[in-house]
Amino acid sequence: MTALRTIGLALLAIVSTAGSALAAGPGAPHLDGGELGLIWIVPFVGILLSIALFPLLAPEFWHHHFGKVSAFWAAAFLIPFLAVFGFELTLYEVVHVLLLEYIPFIILLLSLFTVAGGIRLTGRLVGSPVVNTGILLVGTVLASWMGTTGAAMLLIRPLLRANEGRRYKVHSVVFFIFLVANVGGSLTPLGDPPLFLGFLKGVSFFWPTTHMFLPMLLVSVILLVLYYLVDTVLFKREGPATEPAASDGEALGLTGTVNFLLLAGVVGAVLMSGIWKPGISLDVYHVPWDLQNIVRDALLLAIAYISWKVTDRANRDANGFTWFPILEVAKLFVGIFLTIVPAIAILKAGADGALGGVVSLVTAPDGSPVDVMYFWLTGILSSFLDNAPTYLVFFNTAGGDAAHLMTDMARTLLAISAGAVFMGANTYIGNAPNFMVRAIAEEQNVAMPSFFGYMVWSFGILMPIFGLITLVFFL
């Protein structure tokens, strides 16, 4: 998870990540991933296990001290790294991660969270199977055009409110993460950060639309049909007594609609940073801070401030809006962003790195690509690392020539793209919106599964579907 996730949270968060990883100022210190052993990823594994186990084993401690736990694992990486590699390289990596990856990620997340949190669906909306499936369908369609994060932040609260009278809610949030926060972002570079990175590397804007459409359609239809069947069974089991009550005479509609204009502004700011290249940058300890990114982040902060000021506070209160979910993500992901540095460096070292055996699995003895392995390795690593830099690693492993990948190696590029986007749904940390959705759901008193509990859901439901995708498209 180096830079997490043009529009939607995810996108530029990670756009900044992998895109910036390609550029370093003159004389910048260099971290050779080939020199790193797997011992360096222990802090990263530690923070993942903390996220997985503490909420389950010590929920009260975790609720009050998760920021300290994140800081502990960040220190567990930085102090040994400083001792072994020295002050200059350590400072460079910290500045690089914070300035080009973490800060843009949080600013984009904050902007989308604030803007989407000001839009409220009013009136009576019963969380019936038809209504719930409709919300998931709409979110899946929107995700490719406003980003997985934008769509998720826009629709998760209406889904939760529609189901506040339901006894069974967890399955709706889990399928929401599958579809809206991940699979739905498959069709354009705006949908998910890996595809935006491909766009920056030369992949045409509509290449994902034409090539990812059938895999995305197959996965989405299976998930929507499965969800409808499961929700129908559970809805009938609950009985009428659990249906939501009327909404105190409120008419069905939307409030805070000015935020739709601000949401368009977020989209425009992110797209601007990907298209406008003035060639001007500030050098911050060998890290080039491009003017377009500075302007983008300033615009996003301004949009968030405007949204907070112009949206009626009572509207946000009725929406169940609080700052806790964004604070939780900010504190946890700064640790993730820092501790993942050696893991990404090892992957970038390719065959020369400690994970060289894994990277070599994608190439057959005759030198031809093994598309099945590209799909699964990109996907599995994207589940636990950041899906954007993982995409970039395998994009470069496949040659890095966008024109060649889009034509003669189209199936290989499809395998990399589908793996990175689809399998971000495998864990809470596979894609930025996943964690946000979970935090918001828990704040609304939905007893979400633990880290490993969620993986029981995702592996049990998604792996057979991904197996089918493998048979249909990559064998």
Protein backbone atom coordinates (compact mmCIF):
# COMPACT_ATOMS: atom_id res chain seq x y z
CA MET A 1 0.00 0.00 0.00
CA THR A 2 2.37 2.63 -0.93
CA ALA A 3 0.21 5.15 -2.53
CA LEU A 4 -3.32 4.22 -2.38
CA ARG A 5 -5.72 5.39 -4.79
CA THR A 6 -9.17 9.90 -11.39
CA ILE A 7 -11.32 10.28 -9.15
CA GLY A 8 -12.33 8.41 -6.45
CA LEU A 9 -10.04 8.34 -3.67
CA ALA A 10 -7.97 5.65 -4.81
CA LEU A 11 -6.83 7.13 -7.95
CA LEU A 12 -4.56 9.89 -7.28
CA ALA A 13 -3.47 8.57 -4.03
CA ILE A 14 -1.69 5.95 -5.93
CA VAL A 15 -1.14 7.87 -8.98
CA SER A 16 1.16 9.93 -6.89
CA THR A 17 2.77 6.83 -5.58
CA ALA A 18 3.89 4.88 -8.50
CA GLY A 19 4.08 7.81 -10.79
CA SER A 20 6.44 9.56 -8.41
CA ALA A 21 8.43 6.41 -7.89
CA LEU A 22 9.62 6.84 -11.46
CA ALA A 23 11.04 10.28 -10.88
CA ALA A 24 13.84 11.27 -8.54
CA GLY A 25 15.87 14.41 -8.44
CA PRO A 26 19.54 14.52 -9.51
CA GLY A 27 21.85 12.98 -6.95
CA ALA A 28 18.98 11.37 -5.05
CA PRO A 29 19.91 8.48 -2.75
CA HIS A 30 18.88 5.12 -4.16
CA LEU A 31 17.47 2.09 -2.35
CA ASP A 32 18.53 -1.11 -4.10
CA GLY A 33 15.85 -3.69 -3.40
CA GLY A 34 18.28 -6.42 -4.40
CA GLU A 35 20.22 -5.76 -1.19
CA LEU A 36 17.22 -6.24 1.09
CA GLY A 37 16.32 -9.51 2.76
CA LEU A 38 12.82 -10.50 3.72
CA ILE A 39 13.56 -9.51 7.33
CA TRP A 40 12.88 -5.92 6.25
CA ILE A 41 9.20 -6.64 5.65
CA VAL A 42 8.62 -7.75 9.25
CA PRO A 43 7.29 -4.31 10.34
CA PHE A 44 4.87 -4.34 7.40
CA VAL A 45 3.66 -7.82 8.33
CA GLY A 46 3.46 -6.62 11.95
CA ILE A 47 1.15 -3.73 11.18
CA LEU A 48 -1.05 -5.97 9.02
CA LEU A 49 -1.33 -8.51 11.83
CA SER A 50 -2.08 -5.70 14.28
CA ILE A 51 -4.93 -4.49 12.08
CA ALA A 52 -6.15 -8.06 11.82
CA LEU A 53 -5.85 -9.23 15.42
CA PHE A 54 -6.13 -6.29 17.83
CA PRO A 55 -9.75 -5.41 16.95
CA LEU A 56 -10.59 -9.05 17.58
CA LEU A 57 -8.49 -9.77 20.68
CA ALA A 58 -8.32 -6.35 22.35
CA PRO A 59 -10.99 -4.11 20.79
CA GLU A 60 -11.00 -1.51 23.57
CA PHE A 61 -7.22 -1.12 23.47
CA TRP A 62 -7.27 -0.90 19.68
CA HIS A 63 -10.01 1.72 19.59
CA HIS A 64 -8.00 4.07 21.81
CA HIS A 65 -4.43 3.25 20.76
CA PHE A 66 -4.39 2.20 17.08
CA GLY A 67 -2.42 5.35 16.25
CA LYS A 68 0.29 4.38 18.73
CA VAL A 69 0.43 0.86 17.27
CA SER A 70 0.88 2.31 13.79
CA ALA A 71 3.64 4.61 15.09
CA PHE A 72 5.36 1.65 16.77
CA TRP A 73 5.62 -0.34 13.56
CA ALA A 74 6.75 2.73 11.60
CA ALA A 75 9.54 3.19 14.16
CA ALA A 76 10.35 -0.54 13.99
CA PHE A 77 11.15 0.02 10.31
CA LEU A 78 12.72 3.48 10.42
CA ILE A 79 15.15 3.00 13.32
CA PRO A 80 16.91 -0.10 11.90
CA PHE A 81 16.79 1.42 8.41
CA LEU A 82 18.48 4.55 9.73
CA ALA A 83 21.16 2.49 11.46
CA VAL A 84 21.92 0.38 8.37
CA PHE A 85 21.47 2.80 5.47
CA GLY A 86 22.21 6.16 7.07
CA PHE A 87 20.46 9.46 7.51
CA GLU A 88 20.40 10.64 3.87
CA LEU A 89 18.66 7.60 2.38
CA THR A 90 16.26 7.37 5.32
CA LEU A 91 15.32 11.05 5.03
CA TYR A 92 14.91 10.71 1.27
CA GLU A 93 12.57 7.71 1.58
CA VAL A 94 10.50 9.42 4.29
CA VAL A 95 10.20 12.66 2.31
CA HIS A 96 9.37 10.71 -0.84
CA VAL A 97 6.66 8.65 0.84
CA LEU A 98 5.10 11.53 2.75
CA LEU A 99 5.29 14.24 0.12
CA LEU A 100 4.43 12.28 -3.01
CA GLU A 101 2.37 9.42 -1.65
CA TYR A 102 0.85 9.72 1.80
CA ILE A 103 -0.07 13.42 1.88
CA PRO A 104 -1.74 13.40 -1.57
CA PHE A 105 -3.54 10.20 -0.58
CA ILE A 106 -4.93 11.70 2.62
CA ILE A 107 -5.85 14.99 0.96
CA LEU A 108 -7.78 13.21 -1.78
CA LEU A 109 -9.40 10.93 0.77
CA LEU A 110 -10.31 13.88 2.99
CA SER A 111 -11.81 15.78 0.08
CA LEU A 112 -13.97 12.89 -1.13
CA PHE A 113 -14.95 11.94 2.40
CA THR A 114 -16.02 15.50 3.23
CA VAL A 115 -17.87 16.14 -0.02
CA ALA A 116 -19.67 12.79 -0.21
CA GLY A 117 -20.51 13.03 3.49
CA GLY A 118 -22.52 16.17 2.80
CA ILE A 119 -24.93 14.43 0.41
CA ARG A 120 -27.90 12.80 2.12
CA LEU A 121 -30.69 10.68 0.74
CA THR A 122 -33.91 11.64 2.52
CA GLY A 123 -37.22 9.87 2.77
CA ARG A 124 -38.37 6.31 3.20
CA LEU A 125 -36.11 3.79 1.45
CA VAL A 126 -36.67 0.21 2.56
CA GLY A 127 -33.60 -2.03 2.27
CA SER A 128 -35.40 -4.74 0.32
CA PRO A 129 -33.41 -7.09 -1.92
CA VAL A 130 -34.46 -5.10 -5.00
CA VAL A 131 -33.48 -1.74 -3.48
CA ASN A 132 -30.18 -3.03 -2.11
CA THR A 133 -29.24 -4.72 -5.37
CA GLY A 134 -30.15 -1.51 -7.19
CA ILE A 135 -27.79 0.51 -4.97
CA LEU A 136 -24.97 -1.96 -5.62
CA LEU A 137 -25.67 -1.86 -9.35
CA VAL A 138 -25.66 1.94 -9.47
CA GLY A 139 -22.45 2.08 -7.45
CA THR A 140 -20.78 -0.48 -9.70
CA VAL A 141 -21.63 1.60 -12.78
CA LEU A 142 -20.57 4.90 -11.18
CA ALA A 143 -17.23 3.57 -9.90
CA SER A 144 -15.54 3.54 -13.30
CA TRP A 145 -16.44 7.18 -13.90
CA MET A 146 -16.07 8.77 -10.49
CA GLY A 147 -13.60 6.34 -8.96
CA THR A 148 -14.13 3.50 -6.53
CA THR A 149 -13.61 5.81 -3.57
CA GLY A 150 -15.96 8.49 -4.85
CA ALA A 151 -18.73 5.99 -5.56
CA ALA A 152 -18.19 4.19 -2.26
CA MET A 153 -18.26 7.37 -0.16
CA LEU A 154 -21.34 8.57 -2.01
CA LEU A 155 -23.45 5.43 -1.58
CA ILE A 156 -22.36 3.61 1.57
CA ARG A 157 -24.42 5.82 3.90
CA PRO A 158 -27.64 5.52 1.84
CA LEU A 159 -27.16 1.75 1.83
CA LEU A 160 -26.66 1.67 5.60
CA ARG A 161 -29.68 3.91 6.25
CA ALA A 162 -31.88 1.82 3.98
CA ASN A 163 -30.94 -1.24 6.01
CA GLU A 164 -30.97 0.24 9.49
CA GLY A 165 -34.09 -1.77 10.32
CA ARG A 166 -32.65 -5.00 8.97
CA ARG A 167 -31.21 -7.66 11.26
CA TYR A 168 -28.71 -8.92 8.67
CA LYS A 169 -26.52 -6.14 7.28
CA VAL A 170 -22.94 -7.40 7.10
CA HIS A 171 -23.40 -9.22 3.80
CA SER A 172 -24.63 -6.01 2.15
CA VAL A 173 -21.49 -4.10 3.19
CA VAL A 174 -19.20 -6.95 2.14
CA PHE A 175 -20.76 -7.16 -1.33
CA PHE A 176 -20.65 -3.36 -1.50
CA ILE A 177 -16.87 -3.54 -0.98
CA PHE A 178 -16.57 -6.24 -3.65
CA LEU A 179 -18.57 -4.37 -6.28
CA VAL A 180 -18.51 -0.63 -5.65
CA ALA A 181 -15.10 -0.28 -3.99
CA ASN A 182 -13.27 -2.58 -6.40
CA VAL A 183 -14.75 -4.43 -9.38
CA GLY A 184 -16.78 -1.43 -10.53
CA GLY A 185 -13.64 0.63 -11.17
CA SER A 186 -12.51 -1.56 -14.06
CA LEU A 187 -13.51 0.36 -17.16
CA THR A 188 -11.57 3.63 -17.22
CA PRO A 189 -8.37 5.13 -15.79
CA LEU A 190 -10.67 7.14 -13.54
CA GLY A 191 -11.94 4.04 -11.81
CA ASP A 192 -8.94 2.63 -9.99
CA PRO A 193 -5.34 3.80 -9.49
CA PRO A 194 -3.62 0.92 -11.35
CA LEU A 195 -5.50 1.78 -14.54
CA PHE A 196 -4.62 5.44 -14.13
CA LEU A 197 -0.96 4.49 -13.89
CA GLY A 198 -1.35 2.49 -17.08
CA PHE A 199 -2.85 5.57 -18.70
CA LEU A 200 0.17 7.61 -17.63
CA LYS A 201 2.42 4.92 -19.10
CA GLY A 202 0.71 5.15 -22.50
CA VAL A 203 -2.28 2.81 -22.32
CA SER A 204 -5.14 4.48 -24.18
CA PHE A 205 -8.03 5.85 -22.12
CA PHE A 206 -10.64 3.45 -23.52
CA TRP A 207 -8.43 0.34 -23.65
CA PRO A 208 -9.78 -0.85 -20.26
CA THR A 209 -13.34 -0.06 -21.41
CA THR A 210 -13.11 -2.44 -24.36
CA HIS A 211 -10.87 -5.14 -22.88
CA MET A 212 -12.00 -5.18 -19.24
CA PHE A 213 -15.71 -4.94 -20.03
CA LEU A 214 -16.44 -8.67 -20.40
CA PRO A 215 -14.44 -9.81 -17.34
CA MET A 216 -15.94 -6.99 -15.28
CA LEU A 217 -19.45 -7.81 -16.56
CA LEU A 218 -19.06 -11.50 -15.73
CA VAL A 219 -17.79 -10.84 -12.19
CA SER A 220 -20.40 -8.15 -11.55
CA VAL A 221 -23.36 -10.19 -12.79
CA ILE A 222 -22.35 -13.22 -10.72
CA LEU A 223 -21.91 -11.08 -7.60
CA LEU A 224 -25.15 -9.14 -8.09
CA VAL A 225 -27.19 -12.29 -8.70
CA LEU A 226 -25.56 -14.04 -5.75
CA TYR A 227 -26.18 -11.02 -3.54
CA TYR A 228 -29.83 -10.79 -4.56
CA LEU A 229 -30.38 -14.46 -3.75
CA VAL A 230 -28.64 -14.22 -0.37
CA ASP A 231 -30.39 -10.98 0.55
CA THR A 232 -33.77 -12.39 -0.48
CA VAL A 233 -33.33 -15.42 1.78
CA LEU A 234 -32.23 -13.25 4.72
CA PHE A 235 -34.97 -10.67 4.13
CA LYS A 236 -37.65 -13.36 4.23
CA ARG A 237 -36.09 -14.87 7.33
CA GLU A 238 -36.22 -11.53 9.15
CA GLY A 239 -39.91 -10.96 8.54
CA PRO A 240 -41.79 -7.66 8.26
CA ALA A 241 -41.05 -6.60 11.82
CA THR A 242 -37.46 -5.85 10.93
CA GLU A 243 -38.25 -3.54 8.03
CA PRO A 244 -37.23 0.13 8.43
CA ALA A 245 -39.81 2.47 9.82
CA ALA A 246 -41.14 5.45 7.92
CA SER A 247 -38.87 8.45 7.79
CA ASP A 248 -40.94 10.91 9.83
CA GLY A 249 -42.73 12.33 6.82
CA GLU A 250 -39.60 13.24 4.87
CA ALA A 251 -40.03 13.11 1.12
CA LEU A 252 -37.72 10.92 -0.90
CA GLY A 253 -34.96 13.11 -2.28
CA LEU A 254 -31.46 14.48 -1.86
CA THR A 255 -30.08 17.24 0.32
CA GLY A 256 -26.67 18.83 0.15
CA THR A 257 -26.78 18.64 -3.64
CA VAL A 258 -24.23 21.44 -3.98
CA ASN A 259 -21.74 18.75 -3.11
CA PHE A 260 -22.33 17.10 -6.49
CA LEU A 261 -20.75 20.18 -8.08
CA LEU A 262 -17.89 19.97 -5.61
CA LEU A 263 -17.50 16.28 -6.41
CA ALA A 264 -17.12 17.23 -10.05
CA GLY A 265 -14.46 19.67 -8.89
CA VAL A 266 -12.58 16.86 -7.19
CA VAL A 267 -12.70 14.86 -10.41
CA GLY A 268 -11.51 17.84 -12.41
CA ALA A 269 -8.63 18.55 -10.04
CA VAL A 270 -7.39 14.97 -10.23
CA LEU A 271 -7.73 14.80 -14.00
CA MET A 272 -5.94 18.12 -14.31
CA SER A 273 -2.93 16.73 -12.46
CA GLY A 274 -2.79 13.79 -14.87
CA ILE A 275 -3.11 15.86 -18.04
CA TRP A 276 -1.47 19.23 -17.33
CA LYS A 277 2.32 18.88 -17.34
CA PRO A 278 3.93 22.34 -17.05
CA GLY A 279 7.36 20.85 -16.34
CA ILE A 280 7.80 22.94 -13.19
CA SER A 281 8.65 21.40 -9.84
CA LEU A 282 10.11 22.20 -6.45
CA ASP A 283 12.99 20.08 -5.20
CA VAL A 284 12.48 18.92 -1.61
CA TYR A 285 15.55 16.94 -0.63
CA HIS A 286 15.95 15.40 -4.11
CA VAL A 287 12.21 14.75 -4.36
CA PRO A 288 10.58 16.67 -7.25
CA TRP A 289 7.25 18.13 -6.13
CA ASP A 290 5.49 18.89 -9.41
CA LEU A 291 3.47 22.06 -9.79
CA GLN A 292 0.41 20.19 -11.08
CA ASN A 293 0.36 18.09 -7.90
CA ILE A 294 0.76 21.13 -5.66
CA VAL A 295 -2.14 22.83 -7.43
CA ARG A 296 -4.24 19.67 -7.28
CA ASP A 297 -3.76 19.24 -3.55
CA ALA A 298 -4.49 22.92 -2.89
CA LEU A 299 -7.70 22.67 -4.92
CA LEU A 300 -8.76 19.51 -3.10
CA LEU A 301 -8.23 21.13 0.30
CA ALA A 302 -10.17 24.18 -0.85
CA ILE A 303 -13.03 22.00 -2.10
CA ALA A 304 -13.17 20.13 1.22
CA TYR A 305 -13.25 23.43 3.11
CA ILE A 306 -16.00 24.83 0.89
CA SER A 307 -18.05 21.66 1.32
CA TRP A 308 -17.72 21.86 5.10
CA LYS A 309 -18.78 25.51 5.12
CA VAL A 310 -21.67 25.43 2.67
CA THR A 311 -23.28 22.16 3.80
CA ASP A 312 -25.80 22.52 6.59
CA ARG A 313 -24.38 20.97 9.76
CA ALA A 314 -27.73 19.38 10.60
CA ASN A 315 -27.61 17.63 7.25
CA ARG A 316 -24.25 16.08 8.12
CA ASP A 317 -25.47 15.09 11.56
CA ALA A 318 -28.51 13.39 10.05
CA ASN A 319 -26.11 11.62 7.71
CA GLY A 320 -24.19 10.19 10.68
CA PHE A 321 -21.09 12.10 9.58
CA THR A 322 -18.08 12.15 11.95
CA TRP A 323 -14.35 12.54 11.41
CA PHE A 324 -13.38 9.27 13.08
CA PRO A 325 -13.17 7.10 9.92
CA ILE A 326 -10.79 9.51 8.18
CA LEU A 327 -8.69 9.88 11.33
CA GLU A 328 -8.42 6.11 11.65
CA VAL A 329 -7.31 5.74 8.05
CA ALA A 330 -4.84 8.62 8.36
CA LYS A 331 -3.15 7.15 11.44
CA LEU A 332 -3.02 3.56 10.20
CA PHE A 333 -1.97 4.26 6.65
CA VAL A 334 0.99 6.43 7.54
CA GLY A 335 2.43 3.30 9.16
CA ILE A 336 1.49 1.18 6.16
CA PHE A 337 2.97 3.66 3.68
CA LEU A 338 6.29 3.70 5.54
CA THR A 339 6.65 0.01 6.35
CA ILE A 340 5.80 -1.05 2.80
CA VAL A 341 8.85 0.77 1.37
CA PRO A 342 11.17 -2.28 1.52
CA ALA A 343 8.49 -4.62 0.19
CA ILE A 344 7.98 -2.53 -2.93
CA ALA A 345 11.76 -2.09 -3.36
CA ILE A 346 12.24 -5.87 -3.23
CA LEU A 347 9.55 -6.38 -5.86
CA LYS A 348 11.08 -3.70 -8.09
CA ALA A 349 14.39 -5.56 -7.96
CA GLY A 350 12.69 -8.31 -9.95
CA ALA A 351 14.70 -11.50 -10.35
CA ASP A 352 17.56 -9.94 -8.35
CA GLY A 353 15.40 -9.39 -5.27
CA ALA A 354 14.46 -11.67 -2.40
CA LEU A 355 11.14 -12.30 -4.15
CA GLY A 356 12.81 -13.02 -7.49
CA GLY A 357 11.42 -16.54 -7.49
CA VAL A 358 7.91 -15.13 -7.35
CA VAL A 359 8.51 -12.63 -10.15
CA SER A 360 10.09 -15.31 -12.38
CA LEU A 361 6.87 -17.36 -12.27
CA VAL A 362 5.27 -15.06 -14.85
CA THR A 363 7.70 -16.06 -17.62
CA ALA A 364 7.75 -19.46 -19.34
CA PRO A 365 11.08 -21.20 -20.21
CA ASP A 366 10.73 -20.02 -23.82
CA GLY A 367 10.39 -16.40 -22.64
CA SER A 368 6.66 -16.09 -23.32
CA PRO A 369 4.40 -14.55 -20.66
CA VAL A 370 2.36 -16.83 -18.41
CA ASP A 371 -0.89 -14.88 -18.31
CA VAL A 372 -2.47 -17.01 -15.61
CA MET A 373 0.43 -16.23 -13.28
CA TYR A 374 0.34 -12.54 -14.20
CA PHE A 375 -3.33 -12.47 -13.16
CA TRP A 376 -2.89 -14.35 -9.90
CA LEU A 377 0.43 -12.89 -8.75
CA THR A 378 -0.63 -9.32 -9.54
CA GLY A 379 -3.90 -10.02 -7.74
CA ILE A 380 -2.57 -11.72 -4.63
CA LEU A 381 0.15 -9.11 -4.12
CA SER A 382 -2.39 -6.34 -4.75
CA SER A 383 -4.48 -7.81 -1.95
CA PHE A 384 -1.83 -7.06 0.63
CA LEU A 385 0.37 -4.39 -0.95
CA ASP A 386 -0.82 -1.38 -2.86
CA ASN A 387 -2.46 -2.42 -6.10
CA ALA A 388 -1.05 0.54 -8.08
CA PRO A 389 2.69 -0.07 -7.56
CA THR A 390 2.07 -3.82 -7.87
CA TYR A 391 0.45 -3.17 -11.25
CA LEU A 392 3.45 -1.08 -12.25
CA VAL A 393 5.93 -3.80 -11.22
CA PHE A 394 4.28 -6.42 -13.42
CA PHE A 395 3.60 -3.90 -16.21
CA ASN A 396 7.36 -3.33 -16.39
CA THR A 397 8.09 -7.05 -16.00
CA ALA A 398 5.97 -7.62 -19.12
CA GLY A 399 8.15 -5.16 -21.04
CA GLY A 400 6.69 -1.78 -20.13
CA ASP A 401 5.91 -0.88 -23.76
CA ALA A 402 2.27 0.22 -23.72
CA ALA A 403 1.85 0.02 -27.50
CA HIS A 404 3.12 -3.56 -27.57
CA LEU A 405 1.14 -4.58 -24.48
CA MET A 406 -2.10 -3.16 -25.88
CA THR A 407 -1.78 -5.15 -29.11
CA ASP A 408 0.47 -8.21 -29.28
CA MET A 409 0.32 -8.77 -25.50
CA ALA A 410 -3.23 -7.58 -24.87
CA ARG A 411 -4.12 -10.67 -22.87
CA THR A 412 -1.10 -10.17 -20.62
CA LEU A 413 -2.05 -6.55 -19.98
CA LEU A 414 -5.61 -7.68 -19.31
CA ALA A 415 -4.33 -10.22 -16.77
CA ILE A 416 -2.29 -7.55 -14.97
CA SER A 417 -5.16 -5.05 -15.01
CA ALA A 418 -7.83 -7.51 -13.89
CA GLY A 419 -5.64 -8.93 -11.15
CA ALA A 420 -4.82 -5.51 -9.71
CA VAL A 421 -8.40 -4.19 -9.82
CA PHE A 422 -10.45 -7.28 -8.98
CA MET A 423 -8.32 -8.69 -6.21
CA GLY A 424 -8.07 -5.43 -4.33
CA ALA A 425 -11.33 -6.74 -2.86
CA ASN A 426 -9.62 -9.69 -1.15
CA THR A 427 -8.68 -7.79 2.02
CA TYR A 428 -9.61 -4.61 3.84
CA ILE A 429 -6.28 -3.06 2.83
CA GLY A 430 -6.33 -4.17 -0.82
CA ASN A 431 -7.82 -0.84 -1.88
CA ALA A 432 -8.29 2.37 0.08
CA PRO A 433 -12.12 2.52 -0.06
CA ASN A 434 -12.39 -0.92 1.58
CA PHE A 435 -11.07 0.35 4.88
CA MET A 436 -13.16 3.49 4.70
CA VAL A 437 -16.36 1.55 4.07
CA ARG A 438 -15.62 -0.77 6.98
CA ALA A 439 -14.93 2.17 9.31
CA ILE A 440 -18.16 3.93 8.34
CA ALA A 441 -20.19 0.73 8.70
CA GLU A 442 -18.76 0.05 12.16
CA GLU A 443 -19.52 3.61 13.17
CA GLN A 444 -23.14 2.91 12.20
CA ASN A 445 -23.11 -0.12 14.55
CA VAL A 446 -22.70 -2.77 11.86
CA ALA A 447 -20.62 -5.59 13.36
CA MET A 448 -18.18 -6.00 10.47
CA PRO A 449 -15.98 -9.10 10.32
CA SER A 450 -12.38 -8.95 11.49
CA PHE A 451 -9.50 -8.74 9.02
CA PHE A 452 -9.35 -12.52 8.73
CA GLY A 453 -13.11 -12.84 9.02
CA TYR A 454 -13.49 -10.62 5.98
CA MET A 455 -11.01 -12.82 4.12
CA VAL A 456 -13.24 -15.81 4.82
CA TRP A 457 -15.98 -13.95 2.98
CA SER A 458 -13.77 -12.75 0.14
CA PHE A 459 -11.87 -15.96 -0.44
CA GLY A 460 -15.01 -18.08 -0.15
CA ILE A 461 -16.98 -15.95 -2.62
CA LEU A 462 -14.40 -14.35 -4.89
CA MET A 463 -11.82 -17.10 -5.42
CA PRO A 464 -14.22 -19.41 -7.30
CA ILE A 465 -15.23 -16.45 -9.46
CA PHE A 466 -11.60 -15.58 -10.14
CA GLY A 467 -11.03 -19.24 -11.01
CA LEU A 468 -13.80 -18.94 -13.59
CA ILE A 469 -12.23 -15.73 -14.93
CA THR A 470 -8.97 -17.65 -15.29
CA LEU A 471 -10.62 -20.44 -17.29
CA VAL A 472 -12.57 -18.08 -19.54
CA PHE A 473 -9.98 -15.40 -20.28
CA PHE A 474 -6.45 -16.59 -19.47
CA LEU A 475 -6.22 -20.28 -20.41
